[in-house]
Amino acid sequence: MKKLKGLIYGACALIIASISTTSLLADVSGPYVGIQASINGLEMNGSSTDTNSEITTGTAGKTAEIAGIEAGWLIPIVDKVAIGIGLNFVSGDFKIKADAGAGDNSHASTGDVTVEFADHWTAFIQPALSLTDDTAMFLKIGRTYMDMTMTGDVTDPNNSVQGSILALGSRSVLPNGAFIQFEGGMRSYDEINVWGGGTNISAGHQIKADPDVAYGAFTFGFQF
């Protein structure tokens, strides 16, 4: 995950440095809508603290191929530079199982917890830099929301998580107004903090987890 973030930051620096040397204006502005296919990798680093204050840590991961849709508007600002705003919806799910009662001999519960992440909604801004008349590089920054369902040995679980998105990509517009877009990035979600091992918080387990989703996406759409 850290390597992916480093690559994104490095690529962004190269794009910014190229502004002074790029003289072509990309004809890629305007409203657009597209369908998206993506490969997503979920990593969740977590810990469980039992009634003896013993901490058990672990990492779980899942991958999934997911379809989605994106709509937005790319607005020219100055020569070679535009700002996009938009919404992205990704339909799909990840399911991970964990043991809420592990490591605590003082509590009889060893019930499994199933965490299922479902639909992702993202609102973003997208600065873009022209590379040629019909191709631009962009940086995507925004807030993302993901549905979450936790079942099993947990008390009052959350039903969603929020976070931020950082991605880098390119868009090429075809002569008929269609476009193809490639991007890769990271969705980093806020910490999940729930209690397991019974309904009495003081006698249960504190469960924490930090979900991150690294993804690569291809979008085909039309610009109006």
C-alpha atoms as a PDB file:
ATOM      1  CA  MET A   1       0.000   0.000   0.000  1.00  0.00           C
ATOM      2  CA  LYS A   2       2.809   2.431   0.865  1.00  0.00           C
ATOM      3  CA  LYS A   3       4.569   1.638  -2.423  1.00  0.00           C
ATOM      4  CA  LEU A   4       1.379   2.381  -4.380  1.00  0.00           C
ATOM      5  CA  LYS A   5       0.961   5.727  -2.640  1.00  0.00           C
ATOM      6  CA  GLY A   6       4.598   6.572  -3.374  1.00  0.00           C
ATOM      7  CA  LEU A   7       4.138   5.821  -7.066  1.00  0.00           C
ATOM      8  CA  ILE A   8       1.031   8.026  -7.207  1.00  0.00           C
ATOM      9  CA  TYR A   9       2.793  10.943  -5.494  1.00  0.00           C
ATOM     10  CA  GLY A  10       5.800  10.588  -7.785  1.00  0.00           C
ATOM     11  CA  ALA A  11       3.663  10.545 -10.917  1.00  0.00           C
ATOM     12  CA  CYS A  12       1.794  13.644  -9.731  1.00  0.00           C
ATOM     13  CA  ALA A  13       5.100  15.470  -9.316  1.00  0.00           C
ATOM     14  CA  LEU A  14       6.063  14.577 -12.880  1.00  0.00           C
ATOM     15  CA  ILE A  15       2.738  15.899 -14.179  1.00  0.00           C
ATOM     16  CA  ILE A  16       3.133  19.209 -12.350  1.00  0.00           C
ATOM     17  CA  ALA A  17       6.696  19.567 -13.625  1.00  0.00           C
ATOM     18  CA  SER A  18       5.540  18.994 -17.193  1.00  0.00           C
ATOM     19  CA  ILE A  19       3.096  21.949 -17.197  1.00  0.00           C
ATOM     20  CA  SER A  20       5.832  24.387 -18.199  1.00  0.00           C
ATOM     21  CA  THR A  21       6.933  22.245 -21.167  1.00  0.00           C
ATOM     22  CA  THR A  22       3.586  21.044 -22.555  1.00  0.00           C
ATOM     23  CA  SER A  23       2.135  23.296 -25.241  1.00  0.00           C
ATOM     24  CA  LEU A  24      -0.759  21.219 -26.628  1.00  0.00           C
ATOM     25  CA  LEU A  25      -4.364  21.698 -25.493  1.00  0.00           C
ATOM     26  CA  ALA A  26      -6.454  18.553 -25.024  1.00  0.00           C
ATOM     27  CA  ASP A  27     -10.041  18.702 -26.292  1.00  0.00           C
ATOM     28  CA  VAL A  28     -11.324  16.594 -23.414  1.00  0.00           C
ATOM     29  CA  SER A  29     -13.541  19.029 -21.498  1.00  0.00           C
ATOM     30  CA  GLY A  30     -17.313  18.891 -21.007  1.00  0.00           C
ATOM     31  CA  PRO A  31     -19.909  16.655 -19.313  1.00  0.00           C
ATOM     32  CA  TYR A  32     -19.432  12.907 -19.566  1.00  0.00           C
ATOM     33  CA  VAL A  33     -20.794   9.542 -18.437  1.00  0.00           C
ATOM     34  CA  GLY A  34     -19.139   6.141 -18.547  1.00  0.00           C
ATOM     35  CA  ILE A  35     -19.303   2.536 -17.423  1.00  0.00           C
ATOM     36  CA  GLN A  36     -16.409   1.142 -15.450  1.00  0.00           C
ATOM     37  CA  ALA A  37     -14.756  -2.211 -14.806  1.00  0.00           C
ATOM     38  CA  SER A  38     -12.245  -2.461 -11.965  1.00  0.00           C
ATOM     39  CA  ILE A  39     -10.046  -4.890 -10.081  1.00  0.00           C
ATOM     40  CA  ASN A  40     -10.080  -4.165  -6.345  1.00  0.00           C
ATOM     41  CA  GLY A  41      -7.896  -5.437  -3.544  1.00  0.00           C
ATOM     42  CA  LEU A  42      -9.157  -5.001   0.023  1.00  0.00           C
ATOM     43  CA  GLU A  43      -6.635  -5.054   2.865  1.00  0.00           C
ATOM     44  CA  MET A  44      -7.851  -4.788   6.446  1.00  0.00           C
ATOM     45  CA  ASN A  45      -5.346  -4.453   9.287  1.00  0.00           C
ATOM     46  CA  GLY A  46      -7.057  -5.185  12.578  1.00  0.00           C
ATOM     47  CA  SER A  47      -6.644  -5.878  16.263  1.00  0.00           C
ATOM     48  CA  SER A  48      -8.715  -7.372  19.068  1.00  0.00           C
ATOM     49  CA  THR A  49      -8.201  -6.436  22.713  1.00  0.00           C
ATOM     50  CA  ASP A  50      -9.612  -8.965  25.195  1.00  0.00           C
ATOM     51  CA  THR A  51     -10.672  -8.545  28.833  1.00  0.00           C
ATOM     52  CA  ASN A  52      -7.108  -9.359  29.941  1.00  0.00           C
ATOM     53  CA  SER A  53      -5.838  -6.413  27.855  1.00  0.00           C
ATOM     54  CA  GLU A  54      -4.113  -8.856  25.526  1.00  0.00           C
ATOM     55  CA  ILE A  55      -3.957  -7.607  21.947  1.00  0.00           C
ATOM     56  CA  THR A  56      -4.216  -9.907  18.948  1.00  0.00           C
ATOM     57  CA  THR A  57      -3.372  -8.389  15.569  1.00  0.00           C
ATOM     58  CA  GLY A  58      -3.836  -9.637  12.039  1.00  0.00           C
ATOM     59  CA  THR A  59      -4.313  -8.731   8.386  1.00  0.00           C
ATOM     60  CA  ALA A  60      -7.027  -9.974   6.030  1.00  0.00           C
ATOM     61  CA  GLY A  61      -7.357  -9.440   2.316  1.00  0.00           C
ATOM     62  CA  LYS A  62      -9.738 -10.054  -0.580  1.00  0.00           C
ATOM     63  CA  THR A  63      -9.789  -9.238  -4.290  1.00  0.00           C
ATOM     64  CA  ALA A  64     -12.813  -8.682  -6.512  1.00  0.00           C
ATOM     65  CA  GLU A  65     -13.687  -7.629 -10.043  1.00  0.00           C
ATOM     66  CA  ILE A  66     -16.426  -4.991  -9.835  1.00  0.00           C
ATOM     67  CA  ALA A  67     -18.516  -2.952 -12.298  1.00  0.00           C
ATOM     68  CA  GLY A  68     -19.558   0.660 -11.810  1.00  0.00           C
ATOM     69  CA  ILE A  69     -20.621   3.933 -13.394  1.00  0.00           C
ATOM     70  CA  GLU A  70     -19.115   7.417 -13.386  1.00  0.00           C
ATOM     71  CA  ALA A  71     -20.518  10.814 -14.383  1.00  0.00           C
ATOM     72  CA  GLY A  72     -18.980  14.248 -14.214  1.00  0.00           C
ATOM     73  CA  TRP A  73     -17.999  17.507 -15.871  1.00  0.00           C
ATOM     74  CA  LEU A  74     -14.513  18.588 -16.903  1.00  0.00           C
ATOM     75  CA  ILE A  75     -14.227  22.399 -16.910  1.00  0.00           C
ATOM     76  CA  PRO A  76     -11.344  24.256 -18.656  1.00  0.00           C
ATOM     77  CA  ILE A  77      -9.482  26.630 -16.313  1.00  0.00           C
ATOM     78  CA  VAL A  78      -6.407  27.866 -18.209  1.00  0.00           C
ATOM     79  CA  ASP A  79      -4.437  26.644 -21.216  1.00  0.00           C
ATOM     80  CA  LYS A  80      -3.625  22.933 -20.709  1.00  0.00           C
ATOM     81  CA  VAL A  81      -5.416  22.716 -17.336  1.00  0.00           C
ATOM     82  CA  ALA A  82      -8.987  21.712 -16.447  1.00  0.00           C
ATOM     83  CA  ILE A  83     -10.833  20.777 -13.243  1.00  0.00           C
ATOM     84  CA  GLY A  84     -13.339  17.952 -13.164  1.00  0.00           C
ATOM     85  CA  ILE A  85     -16.084  17.235 -10.649  1.00  0.00           C
ATOM     86  CA  GLY A  86     -18.073  14.030 -10.533  1.00  0.00           C
ATOM     87  CA  LEU A  87     -19.640  11.038  -8.852  1.00  0.00           C
ATOM     88  CA  ASN A  88     -18.638   7.393  -9.042  1.00  0.00           C
ATOM     89  CA  PHE A  89     -20.699   4.378  -8.008  1.00  0.00           C
ATOM     90  CA  VAL A  90     -19.192   0.892  -7.741  1.00  0.00           C
ATOM     91  CA  SER A  91     -21.465  -2.103  -7.132  1.00  0.00           C
ATOM     92  CA  GLY A  92     -19.941  -5.177  -5.556  1.00  0.00           C
ATOM     93  CA  ASP A  93     -18.900  -6.688  -2.268  1.00  0.00           C
ATOM     94  CA  PHE A  94     -16.072  -8.112  -0.175  1.00  0.00           C
ATOM     95  CA  LYS A  95     -16.669 -10.565   2.649  1.00  0.00           C
ATOM     96  CA  ILE A  96     -14.160 -11.293   5.435  1.00  0.00           C
ATOM     97  CA  LYS A  97     -14.534 -13.499   8.525  1.00  0.00           C
ATOM     98  CA  ALA A  98     -12.791 -12.974  11.864  1.00  0.00           C
ATOM     99  CA  ASP A  99     -12.943 -14.452  15.358  1.00  0.00           C
ATOM    100  CA  ALA A 100     -14.246 -11.979  17.944  1.00  0.00           C
ATOM    101  CA  GLY A 101     -13.545 -14.261  20.881  1.00  0.00           C
ATOM    102  CA  ALA A 102      -9.984 -15.307  20.160  1.00  0.00           C
ATOM    103  CA  GLY A 103      -7.393 -14.907  22.868  1.00  0.00           C
ATOM    104  CA  ASP A 104      -9.714 -14.524  25.855  1.00  0.00           C
ATOM    105  CA  ASN A 105     -10.030 -17.530  28.166  1.00  0.00           C
ATOM    106  CA  SER A 106     -12.257 -15.595  30.560  1.00  0.00           C
ATOM    107  CA  HIS A 107     -15.125 -15.356  28.101  1.00  0.00           C
ATOM    108  CA  ALA A 108     -16.995 -18.304  26.697  1.00  0.00           C
ATOM    109  CA  SER A 109     -17.750 -16.666  23.377  1.00  0.00           C
ATOM    110  CA  THR A 110     -15.696 -17.678  20.385  1.00  0.00           C
ATOM    111  CA  GLY A 111     -18.235 -16.583  17.810  1.00  0.00           C
ATOM    112  CA  ASP A 112     -17.131 -15.601  14.325  1.00  0.00           C
ATOM    113  CA  VAL A 113     -17.720 -12.136  12.949  1.00  0.00           C
ATOM    114  CA  THR A 114     -18.476 -11.670   9.261  1.00  0.00           C
ATOM    115  CA  VAL A 115     -17.727  -8.258   7.774  1.00  0.00           C
ATOM    116  CA  GLU A 116     -19.246  -7.526   4.370  1.00  0.00           C
ATOM    117  CA  PHE A 117     -18.428  -4.376   2.420  1.00  0.00           C
ATOM    118  CA  ALA A 118     -20.828  -3.511  -0.383  1.00  0.00           C
ATOM    119  CA  ASP A 119     -21.587  -0.498  -2.594  1.00  0.00           C
ATOM    120  CA  HIS A 120     -19.036   2.325  -2.867  1.00  0.00           C
ATOM    121  CA  TRP A 121     -20.026   5.960  -3.541  1.00  0.00           C
ATOM    122  CA  THR A 122     -17.378   8.561  -4.302  1.00  0.00           C
ATOM    123  CA  ALA A 123     -17.591  12.328  -4.865  1.00  0.00           C
ATOM    124  CA  PHE A 124     -14.408  13.743  -6.361  1.00  0.00           C
ATOM    125  CA  ILE A 125     -12.553  16.624  -7.933  1.00  0.00           C
ATOM    126  CA  GLN A 126     -10.215  15.816 -10.803  1.00  0.00           C
ATOM    127  CA  PRO A 127      -7.488  18.281 -11.894  1.00  0.00           C
ATOM    128  CA  ALA A 128      -6.414  17.394 -15.455  1.00  0.00           C
ATOM    129  CA  LEU A 129      -3.399  18.354 -17.553  1.00  0.00           C
ATOM    130  CA  SER A 130      -3.365  18.197 -21.355  1.00  0.00           C
ATOM    131  CA  LEU A 131      -0.664  16.024 -22.903  1.00  0.00           C
ATOM    132  CA  THR A 132      -1.918  16.059 -26.520  1.00  0.00           C
ATOM    133  CA  ASP A 133      -4.979  17.419 -28.344  1.00  0.00           C
ATOM    134  CA  ASP A 134      -7.065  14.420 -27.278  1.00  0.00           C
ATOM    135  CA  THR A 135      -5.303  12.990 -24.202  1.00  0.00           C
ATOM    136  CA  ALA A 136      -4.992  14.238 -20.636  1.00  0.00           C
ATOM    137  CA  MET A 137      -3.533  13.010 -17.374  1.00  0.00           C
ATOM    138  CA  PHE A 138      -5.544  13.570 -14.195  1.00  0.00           C
ATOM    139  CA  LEU A 139      -5.370  13.372 -10.432  1.00  0.00           C
ATOM    140  CA  LYS A 140      -8.516  12.264  -8.614  1.00  0.00           C
ATOM    141  CA  ILE A 141      -9.125  13.369  -5.004  1.00  0.00           C
ATOM    142  CA  GLY A 142     -12.348  12.914  -3.077  1.00  0.00           C
ATOM    143  CA  ARG A 143     -14.451  11.429  -0.326  1.00  0.00           C
ATOM    144  CA  THR A 144     -15.771   7.898  -0.518  1.00  0.00           C
ATOM    145  CA  TYR A 145     -18.537   6.037   1.306  1.00  0.00           C
ATOM    146  CA  MET A 146     -18.901   2.265   1.605  1.00  0.00           C
ATOM    147  CA  ASP A 147     -21.812   0.218   2.975  1.00  0.00           C
ATOM    148  CA  MET A 148     -20.809  -2.264   5.670  1.00  0.00           C
ATOM    149  CA  THR A 149     -22.642  -5.121   7.363  1.00  0.00           C
ATOM    150  CA  MET A 150     -21.239  -6.930  10.420  1.00  0.00           C
ATOM    151  CA  THR A 151     -22.916 -10.100  11.676  1.00  0.00           C
ATOM    152  CA  GLY A 152     -21.993 -12.472  14.476  1.00  0.00           C
ATOM    153  CA  ASP A 153     -20.533 -11.782  17.908  1.00  0.00           C
ATOM    154  CA  VAL A 154     -20.513  -7.961  17.832  1.00  0.00           C
ATOM    155  CA  THR A 155     -22.443  -5.211  19.597  1.00  0.00           C
ATOM    156  CA  ASP A 156     -23.962  -2.191  17.798  1.00  0.00           C
ATOM    157  CA  PRO A 157     -21.858  -2.434  14.617  1.00  0.00           C
ATOM    158  CA  ASN A 158     -21.612   0.427  12.159  1.00  0.00           C
ATOM    159  CA  ASN A 159     -23.494   0.127   8.871  1.00  0.00           C
ATOM    160  CA  SER A 160     -21.042   2.146   6.786  1.00  0.00           C
ATOM    161  CA  VAL A 161     -17.526   3.562   6.661  1.00  0.00           C
ATOM    162  CA  GLN A 162     -16.196   6.745   5.067  1.00  0.00           C
ATOM    163  CA  GLY A 163     -12.786   7.677   3.791  1.00  0.00           C
ATOM    164  CA  SER A 164     -10.771   9.385   1.082  1.00  0.00           C
ATOM    165  CA  ILE A 165      -9.639   8.491  -2.426  1.00  0.00           C
ATOM    166  CA  LEU A 166      -6.420   9.322  -4.254  1.00  0.00           C
ATOM    167  CA  ALA A 167      -5.874   8.141  -7.822  1.00  0.00           C
ATOM    168  CA  LEU A 168      -3.927   8.921 -10.982  1.00  0.00           C
ATOM    169  CA  GLY A 169      -5.028   8.202 -14.535  1.00  0.00           C
ATOM    170  CA  SER A 170      -5.307   9.184 -18.182  1.00  0.00           C
ATOM    171  CA  ARG A 171      -8.186   9.847 -20.580  1.00  0.00           C
ATOM    172  CA  SER A 172      -8.143   9.702 -24.376  1.00  0.00           C
ATOM    173  CA  VAL A 173     -11.042  11.034 -26.455  1.00  0.00           C
ATOM    174  CA  LEU A 174     -11.907   9.306 -29.738  1.00  0.00           C
ATOM    175  CA  PRO A 175     -13.123  11.193 -32.853  1.00  0.00           C
ATOM    176  CA  ASN A 176     -16.765  10.173 -32.277  1.00  0.00           C
ATOM    177  CA  GLY A 177     -16.861  11.661 -28.770  1.00  0.00           C
ATOM    178  CA  ALA A 178     -16.309   8.394 -26.941  1.00  0.00           C
ATOM    179  CA  PHE A 179     -13.440   8.186 -24.464  1.00  0.00           C
ATOM    180  CA  ILE A 180     -11.363   5.542 -22.731  1.00  0.00           C
ATOM    181  CA  GLN A 181      -9.937   6.108 -19.286  1.00  0.00           C
ATOM    182  CA  PHE A 182      -7.428   4.200 -17.181  1.00  0.00           C
ATOM    183  CA  GLU A 183      -6.725   4.891 -13.524  1.00  0.00           C
ATOM    184  CA  GLY A 184      -5.185   3.378 -10.446  1.00  0.00           C
ATOM    185  CA  GLY A 185      -5.484   4.493  -6.871  1.00  0.00           C
ATOM    186  CA  MET A 186      -6.328   3.918  -3.240  1.00  0.00           C
ATOM    187  CA  ARG A 187      -9.473   4.259  -1.150  1.00  0.00           C
ATOM    188  CA  SER A 188      -8.462   4.632   2.505  1.00  0.00           C
ATOM    189  CA  TYR A 189     -11.335   4.276   4.968  1.00  0.00           C
ATOM    190  CA  ASP A 190     -11.703   5.463   8.545  1.00  0.00           C
ATOM    191  CA  GLU A 191     -11.057   3.097  11.426  1.00  0.00           C
ATOM    192  CA  ILE A 192     -13.764   0.598  12.362  1.00  0.00           C
ATOM    193  CA  ASN A 193     -14.164   0.337  16.136  1.00  0.00           C
ATOM    194  CA  VAL A 194     -16.735  -2.103  17.592  1.00  0.00           C
ATOM    195  CA  TRP A 195     -17.200  -4.448  20.534  1.00  0.00           C
ATOM    196  CA  GLY A 196     -17.513  -8.219  20.401  1.00  0.00           C
ATOM    197  CA  GLY A 197     -17.737 -11.092  22.845  1.00  0.00           C
ATOM    198  CA  GLY A 198     -21.091 -10.253  24.376  1.00  0.00           C
ATOM    199  CA  THR A 199     -23.428  -7.353  24.981  1.00  0.00           C
ATOM    200  CA  ASN A 200     -21.565  -6.096  28.054  1.00  0.00           C
ATOM    201  CA  ILE A 201     -18.857  -3.765  26.716  1.00  0.00           C
ATOM    202  CA  SER A 202     -16.774  -4.012  29.883  1.00  0.00           C
ATOM    203  CA  ALA A 203     -16.684  -7.812  29.510  1.00  0.00           C
ATOM    204  CA  GLY A 204     -16.222  -7.963  25.769  1.00  0.00           C
ATOM    205  CA  HIS A 205     -13.530  -7.461  23.174  1.00  0.00           C
ATOM    206  CA  GLN A 206     -12.656  -4.202  21.479  1.00  0.00           C
ATOM    207  CA  ILE A 207     -12.210  -4.818  17.759  1.00  0.00           C
ATOM    208  CA  LYS A 208     -10.455  -2.286  15.526  1.00  0.00           C
ATOM    209  CA  ALA A 209      -9.726  -2.430  11.808  1.00  0.00           C
ATOM    210  CA  ASP A 210      -8.427  -0.125   9.075  1.00  0.00           C
ATOM    211  CA  PRO A 211      -9.774  -1.074   5.616  1.00  0.00           C
ATOM    212  CA  ASP A 212      -7.946   0.065   2.476  1.00  0.00           C
ATOM    213  CA  VAL A 213      -8.894  -0.704  -1.125  1.00  0.00           C
ATOM    214  CA  ALA A 214      -6.290  -0.487  -3.892  1.00  0.00           C
ATOM    215  CA  TYR A 215      -7.812  -0.560  -7.361  1.00  0.00           C
ATOM    216  CA  GLY A 216      -7.175  -0.366 -11.073  1.00  0.00           C
ATOM    217  CA  ALA A 217     -10.064   0.692 -13.334  1.00  0.00           C
ATOM    218  CA  PHE A 218     -10.950   0.985 -17.017  1.00  0.00           C
ATOM    219  CA  THR A 219     -13.806   3.296 -18.041  1.00  0.00           C
ATOM    220  CA  PHE A 220     -15.499   3.588 -21.429  1.00  0.00           C
ATOM    221  CA  GLY A 221     -17.914   6.455 -21.931  1.00  0.00           C
ATOM    222  CA  PHE A 222     -19.137   9.395 -23.936  1.00  0.00           C
ATOM    223  CA  GLN A 223     -18.360  13.089 -23.630  1.00  0.00           C
ATOM    224  CA  PHE A 224     -21.021  15.612 -24.610  1.00  0.00           C
END
